[in-house]
């Protein structure tokens, strides 16, 4: 476990779901894109080296106990049915009551329900992990396909790790492709240097989507900067654009270049955010829900805890 004290919300940390201790990605020897992949996925579960073997054993043991209990109840149920058939209408109710008491002493019903619930959750988690989406899919549960899907997603994220997407950057009216690219690079560099105080080489400008005649808004602009570290530095500073002295920069916002899976996850997260805010408004609750590092956070509650 890392001995450094981390107090910054932006620190790259992973929390073990069993012991709840935190580990920095550098000590775990994780690359930045591996850390981002693990920390952003709600359906991914991470355990530290000390807890992993015990957790897997616990999952296996819980499942075996649940299966044995289910077999035991099936045997008892068959015995009761046979007894009712043999005794018919003359069944001795007292014997049935005694039999029920024996069953209750063998396995507590609440414990049985709890075990069944834990096994059900485990199955859902593994199903979700296999498919990468809530609920899972039968096709994606094939191990080979699951591995291929995850590798494809990782490669896609790796290819985008130094990319940014800028919105509301004016487009050039030039008919020459190279002139338009140079214009986009110059516009982006000026914005980053003058407003965000970031100097970096800007490359590979691409306007996303088909150009629409008489459109009020310019197409989003995707660019590549010199490193992933520079990308995150820009994203962290981008929130200051709304305070710019230049009106044209106040409407500019910047996002990271996301894969299709990441965009779907963000869309789902924003729907959850809207539901949370609507619920808080209906209940007249004094809270502010926001999205932070891929999770819904009650900002006021977090601030009270840290004060």
Protein backbone atom coordinates (compact mmCIF):
# COMPACT_ATOMS: atom_id res chain seq x y z
CA UNK A 1 0.00 0.00 0.00
CA UNK A 2 1.28 3.46 -0.89
CA UNK A 3 2.53 5.47 2.13
CA UNK A 4 1.97 8.87 0.48
CA UNK A 5 -0.95 11.00 1.72
CA UNK A 6 -3.27 11.94 -1.16
CA UNK A 7 -5.67 14.84 -0.55
CA UNK A 8 -6.32 16.00 -4.11
CA UNK A 9 -9.63 14.86 -5.70
CA UNK A 10 -7.73 14.39 -8.94
CA UNK A 11 -5.28 11.85 -7.46
CA UNK A 12 -5.30 8.59 -9.42
CA UNK A 13 -6.34 6.08 -6.76
CA UNK A 14 -8.07 2.69 -6.78
CA UNK A 15 -10.11 1.50 -3.78
CA UNK A 16 -10.23 -2.19 -2.89
CA UNK A 17 -13.92 -3.18 -2.62
CA UNK A 18 -13.17 -5.50 0.31
CA UNK A 19 -10.70 -3.78 2.67
CA UNK A 20 -11.53 -0.27 1.30
CA UNK A 21 -7.86 0.71 1.30
CA UNK A 22 -6.60 2.98 -1.48
CA UNK A 23 -3.72 2.35 -3.85
CA UNK A 24 -2.17 4.82 -6.28
CA UNK A 25 -1.88 3.76 -9.91
CA UNK A 26 1.89 4.35 -9.92
CA UNK A 27 2.49 1.78 -7.13
CA UNK A 28 0.21 -0.66 -8.97
CA UNK A 29 2.30 -0.12 -12.13
CA UNK A 30 -0.80 0.80 -14.15
CA UNK A 31 -0.55 2.99 -17.23
CA UNK A 32 -2.79 6.05 -17.37
CA UNK A 33 -5.21 4.48 -19.86
CA UNK A 34 -5.38 1.24 -17.79
CA UNK A 35 -6.21 3.27 -14.68
CA UNK A 36 -8.81 5.31 -16.54
CA UNK A 37 -10.43 2.14 -17.91
CA UNK A 38 -10.67 0.55 -14.45
CA UNK A 39 -11.84 3.67 -12.61
CA UNK A 40 -14.51 4.81 -15.07
CA UNK A 41 -16.31 1.48 -15.51
CA UNK A 42 -19.10 1.07 -12.99
CA UNK A 43 -19.37 -2.63 -13.77
CA UNK A 44 -15.68 -3.35 -13.13
CA UNK A 45 -14.70 -4.61 -9.69
CA UNK A 46 -11.17 -4.32 -8.31
CA UNK A 47 -9.59 -6.09 -5.32
CA UNK A 48 -6.08 -5.64 -3.96
CA UNK A 49 -3.62 -8.54 -4.02
CA UNK A 50 -4.26 -9.36 -0.34
CA UNK A 51 -8.03 -9.59 -0.74
CA UNK A 52 -8.41 -11.07 -4.23
CA UNK A 53 -7.86 -14.77 -3.44
CA UNK A 54 -10.06 -14.64 -0.33
CA UNK A 55 -12.83 -12.85 -2.25
CA UNK A 56 -12.86 -15.38 -5.08
CA UNK A 57 -12.88 -18.22 -2.54
CA UNK A 58 -15.77 -16.55 -0.70
CA UNK A 59 -17.77 -16.24 -3.93
CA UNK A 60 -17.19 -19.92 -4.69
CA UNK A 61 -18.05 -20.96 -1.12
CA UNK A 62 -21.26 -18.89 -1.05
CA UNK A 63 -22.41 -20.44 -4.29
CA UNK A 64 -21.67 -23.97 -3.06
CA UNK A 65 -23.57 -23.33 0.20
CA UNK A 66 -26.55 -21.95 -1.71
CA UNK A 67 -26.57 -24.97 -4.03
CA UNK A 68 -26.42 -27.40 -1.09
CA UNK A 69 -29.22 -25.56 0.69
CA UNK A 70 -31.33 -25.61 -2.47
CA UNK A 71 -30.76 -29.39 -2.82
CA UNK A 72 -31.69 -29.88 0.85
CA UNK A 73 -34.95 -27.99 0.44
CA UNK A 74 -35.82 -29.97 -2.70
CA UNK A 75 -35.36 -33.23 -0.78
CA UNK A 76 -37.53 -31.97 2.08
CA UNK A 77 -40.18 -30.77 -0.31
CA UNK A 78 -40.29 -34.20 -1.98
CA UNK A 79 -40.61 -35.89 1.42
CA UNK A 80 -43.49 -33.62 2.42
CA UNK A 81 -45.30 -34.27 -0.85
CA UNK A 82 -44.86 -38.04 -0.42
CA UNK A 83 -46.13 -37.82 3.16
CA UNK A 84 -49.20 -35.84 2.09
CA UNK A 85 -49.92 -38.39 -0.64
CA UNK A 86 -49.64 -41.35 1.75
CA UNK A 87 -51.65 -39.79 4.52
CA UNK A 88 -54.26 -38.20 2.27
CA UNK A 89 -57.07 -36.54 4.10
CA UNK A 90 -56.02 -38.19 7.41
CA UNK A 91 -52.70 -36.35 7.55
CA UNK A 92 -51.59 -35.63 11.06
CA UNK A 93 -51.20 -31.83 11.20
CA UNK A 94 -49.07 -32.11 14.31
CA UNK A 95 -46.44 -34.14 12.42
CA UNK A 96 -46.36 -31.55 9.65
CA UNK A 97 -45.87 -28.77 12.18
CA UNK A 98 -43.03 -30.71 13.80
CA UNK A 99 -41.43 -31.27 10.40
CA UNK A 100 -41.58 -27.54 9.63
CA UNK A 101 -39.92 -26.82 12.99
CA UNK A 102 -37.11 -29.25 12.11
CA UNK A 103 -36.59 -27.47 8.77
CA UNK A 104 -36.47 -24.09 10.49
CA UNK A 105 -33.77 -25.31 12.91
CA UNK A 106 -31.65 -26.74 10.11
CA UNK A 107 -31.48 -23.63 7.92
CA UNK A 108 -32.73 -20.19 8.89
CA UNK A 109 -34.93 -18.86 6.07
CA UNK A 110 -33.47 -15.37 6.32
CA UNK A 111 -29.97 -16.79 5.87
CA UNK A 112 -31.14 -18.80 2.88
CA UNK A 113 -32.69 -15.71 1.27
CA UNK A 114 -29.50 -13.77 1.96
CA UNK A 115 -27.34 -16.42 0.32
CA UNK A 116 -29.64 -16.60 -2.69
CA UNK A 117 -29.48 -12.82 -3.04
CA UNK A 118 -25.67 -12.81 -2.88
CA UNK A 119 -25.40 -15.52 -5.54
CA UNK A 120 -27.85 -13.60 -7.75
CA UNK A 121 -25.76 -10.43 -7.45
CA UNK A 122 -22.58 -12.32 -8.28
CA UNK A 123 -24.18 -13.81 -11.40
CA UNK A 124 -25.40 -10.37 -12.50
CA UNK A 125 -21.96 -8.84 -11.96
CA UNK A 126 -20.23 -11.50 -14.03
CA UNK A 127 -22.91 -11.14 -16.73
CA UNK A 128 -22.44 -7.37 -16.85
CA UNK A 129 -18.67 -7.69 -16.92
CA UNK A 130 -18.86 -10.08 -19.82
CA UNK A 131 -21.09 -7.85 -21.94
CA UNK A 132 -19.84 -4.43 -20.87
CA UNK A 133 -23.44 -3.23 -20.62
CA UNK A 134 -26.13 -3.39 -17.90
CA UNK A 135 -27.94 -6.71 -17.96
CA UNK A 136 -25.40 -8.48 -20.17
CA UNK A 137 -26.03 -10.28 -23.46
CA UNK A 138 -25.94 -13.97 -24.26
CA UNK A 139 -23.59 -13.50 -27.23
CA UNK A 140 -21.06 -11.45 -25.29
CA UNK A 141 -20.80 -13.98 -22.47
CA UNK A 142 -18.64 -16.19 -24.65
CA UNK A 143 -15.15 -15.83 -23.07
CA UNK A 144 -13.33 -15.42 -26.38
CA UNK A 145 -15.74 -12.74 -27.59
CA UNK A 146 -15.55 -11.01 -24.20
CA UNK A 147 -11.74 -10.83 -24.44
CA UNK A 148 -11.88 -9.59 -28.05
CA UNK A 149 -14.42 -6.89 -27.16
CA UNK A 150 -12.31 -5.68 -24.25
CA UNK A 151 -9.14 -5.65 -26.36
CA UNK A 152 -10.90 -3.69 -29.10
CA UNK A 153 -12.18 -1.18 -26.55
CA UNK A 154 -8.69 -0.79 -25.02
CA UNK A 155 -7.10 -0.24 -28.44
CA UNK A 156 -9.74 2.33 -29.32
CA UNK A 157 -9.15 4.20 -26.06
CA UNK A 158 -5.38 3.99 -26.57
CA UNK A 159 -5.70 5.59 -30.02
CA UNK A 160 -7.73 8.47 -28.53
CA UNK A 161 -5.77 9.07 -25.33
CA UNK A 162 -4.07 12.28 -26.59
CA UNK A 163 -7.15 13.65 -28.39
CA UNK A 164 -9.46 16.52 -27.46
CA UNK A 165 -12.76 17.64 -28.97
CA UNK A 166 -13.45 21.39 -29.00
CA UNK A 167 -16.92 22.85 -29.53
CA UNK A 168 -17.88 26.23 -31.02
CA UNK A 169 -14.50 26.93 -32.64
CA UNK A 170 -15.22 28.93 -35.84
CA UNK A 171 -14.60 27.15 -39.14
CA UNK A 172 -12.52 28.46 -42.01
CA UNK A 173 -14.37 29.36 -45.22
CA UNK A 174 -11.38 28.45 -47.40
CA UNK A 175 -11.87 25.92 -50.19
CA UNK A 176 -8.37 24.55 -49.65
CA UNK A 177 -8.15 21.60 -47.23
CA UNK A 178 -4.63 22.41 -46.00
CA UNK A 179 -5.54 26.03 -45.35
CA UNK A 180 -8.54 24.92 -43.28
CA UNK A 181 -6.34 22.57 -41.21
CA UNK A 182 -3.76 25.31 -40.60
CA UNK A 183 -6.57 27.65 -39.56
CA UNK A 184 -7.93 25.10 -37.05
CA UNK A 185 -4.45 24.49 -35.60
CA UNK A 186 -3.83 28.24 -35.24
CA UNK A 187 -7.24 28.80 -33.61
CA UNK A 188 -6.70 25.96 -31.13
CA UNK A 189 -3.13 26.97 -30.25
CA UNK A 190 -4.19 30.58 -29.64
CA UNK A 191 -7.02 29.45 -27.36
CA UNK A 192 -4.83 27.09 -25.33
CA UNK A 193 -1.96 29.55 -24.92
CA UNK A 194 -3.86 32.79 -24.28
CA UNK A 195 -6.76 31.45 -22.21
CA UNK A 196 -5.53 28.26 -20.54
CA UNK A 197 -1.80 29.04 -20.38
CA UNK A 198 -0.91 25.72 -22.01
CA UNK A 199 1.71 25.52 -24.73
CA UNK A 200 1.60 22.34 -26.77
CA UNK A 201 1.98 21.08 -30.30
CA UNK A 202 -1.44 20.71 -31.92
CA UNK A 203 -1.84 18.19 -34.76
CA UNK A 204 -4.33 16.14 -36.78
CA UNK A 205 -7.24 18.61 -36.84
CA UNK A 206 -10.47 16.97 -37.99
CA UNK A 207 -13.97 18.47 -38.18
CA UNK A 208 -16.49 15.88 -37.01
CA UNK A 209 -19.65 15.33 -39.04
CA UNK A 210 -20.83 16.50 -42.43
CA UNK A 211 -20.81 20.24 -43.03
CA UNK A 212 -24.34 21.62 -43.04
CA UNK A 213 -25.19 24.62 -45.18
CA UNK A 214 -26.44 27.65 -43.23
CA UNK A 215 -25.76 25.93 -39.89
CA UNK A 216 -25.64 28.30 -36.90
CA UNK A 217 -22.93 26.29 -35.19
CA UNK A 218 -19.49 25.12 -36.39
CA UNK A 219 -18.76 21.41 -36.38
CA UNK A 220 -16.85 19.96 -33.39
CA UNK A 221 -13.08 20.01 -33.88
CA UNK A 222 -10.93 17.04 -32.85
CA UNK A 223 -7.21 17.62 -32.37
CA UNK A 224 -4.23 15.74 -30.96
CA UNK A 225 -1.92 17.28 -28.35
CA UNK A 226 1.60 16.18 -27.47
CA UNK A 227 0.83 13.94 -24.48
CA UNK A 228 -1.96 12.47 -22.37
CA UNK A 229 -0.72 14.52 -19.41
CA UNK A 230 -1.16 17.69 -21.46
CA UNK A 231 -4.67 16.60 -22.41
CA UNK A 232 -5.74 16.29 -18.75
CA UNK A 233 -4.08 19.62 -17.92
CA UNK A 234 -6.16 21.28 -20.64
CA UNK A 235 -9.38 19.60 -19.51
CA UNK A 236 -8.79 20.70 -15.92
CA UNK A 237 -8.25 24.31 -16.98
CA UNK A 238 -11.08 24.37 -19.55
CA UNK A 239 -13.71 25.22 -16.92
CA UNK A 240 -12.17 28.70 -16.75
CA UNK A 241 -13.21 29.50 -20.33
CA UNK A 242 -16.64 30.70 -19.18
CA UNK A 243 -14.84 33.49 -17.28
CA UNK A 244 -12.88 34.60 -20.37
CA UNK A 245 -12.73 38.28 -21.24
CA UNK A 246 -13.39 37.39 -24.87
CA UNK A 247 -17.03 36.67 -25.66
CA UNK A 248 -16.16 34.14 -28.40
CA UNK A 249 -14.28 31.98 -25.88
CA UNK A 250 -17.06 31.97 -23.28
CA UNK A 251 -19.12 29.59 -25.47
CA UNK A 252 -16.21 27.21 -26.16
CA UNK A 253 -16.05 23.96 -24.21
CA UNK A 254 -13.64 21.05 -24.44
CA UNK A 255 -14.14 17.32 -23.91
CA UNK A 256 -11.97 14.25 -24.21
CA UNK A 257 -12.34 12.09 -27.31
CA UNK A 258 -14.49 9.16 -26.15
CA UNK A 259 -15.20 5.74 -27.63
CA UNK A 260 -18.74 4.63 -28.46
CA UNK A 261 -18.92 2.69 -25.18
CA UNK A 262 -17.75 5.70 -23.18
CA UNK A 263 -20.30 7.96 -24.90
CA UNK A 264 -23.09 5.51 -24.09
CA UNK A 265 -21.97 5.35 -20.46
CA UNK A 266 -21.83 9.15 -20.25
CA UNK A 267 -25.32 9.46 -21.75
CA UNK A 268 -26.67 6.98 -19.19
CA UNK A 269 -24.89 8.86 -16.39
CA UNK A 270 -26.44 12.17 -17.49
CA UNK A 271 -29.90 10.59 -17.46
CA UNK A 272 -29.26 9.41 -13.91
CA UNK A 273 -28.08 12.94 -13.03
CA UNK A 274 -31.30 14.45 -14.40
CA UNK A 275 -33.37 11.96 -12.37
CA UNK A 276 -31.41 12.75 -9.18
CA UNK A 277 -31.86 16.49 -9.62
CA UNK A 278 -35.57 16.11 -10.37
CA UNK A 279 -36.02 13.91 -7.30
CA UNK A 280 -34.17 16.43 -5.10
CA UNK A 281 -36.31 19.25 -6.44
CA UNK A 282 -39.55 17.36 -5.82
CA UNK A 283 -38.49 16.56 -2.24
CA UNK A 284 -37.21 20.12 -1.73
CA UNK A 285 -33.82 18.74 -0.68
CA UNK A 286 -30.86 21.08 -0.31
CA UNK A 287 -28.34 19.17 -2.40
CA UNK A 288 -26.37 19.63 -5.60
CA UNK A 289 -25.80 16.53 -7.71
CA UNK A 290 -22.88 16.63 -10.17
CA UNK A 291 -20.80 14.20 -12.22
CA UNK A 292 -17.25 13.82 -10.91
CA UNK A 293 -14.72 11.32 -12.26
CA UNK A 294 -17.44 9.22 -13.87
CA UNK A 295 -19.70 9.01 -10.79
CA UNK A 296 -22.72 10.87 -9.39
CA UNK A 297 -21.70 12.93 -6.36
CA UNK A 298 -23.75 15.02 -3.93
CA UNK A 299 -21.45 18.06 -3.93
CA UNK A 300 -22.83 19.67 -0.77
CA UNK A 301 -22.57 16.41 1.19
CA UNK A 302 -18.97 15.93 -0.01
CA UNK A 303 -18.05 19.47 1.02
CA UNK A 304 -19.54 18.99 4.51
CA UNK A 305 -17.53 15.79 5.01
CA UNK A 306 -14.25 17.41 3.96
CA UNK A 307 -14.74 20.52 6.11
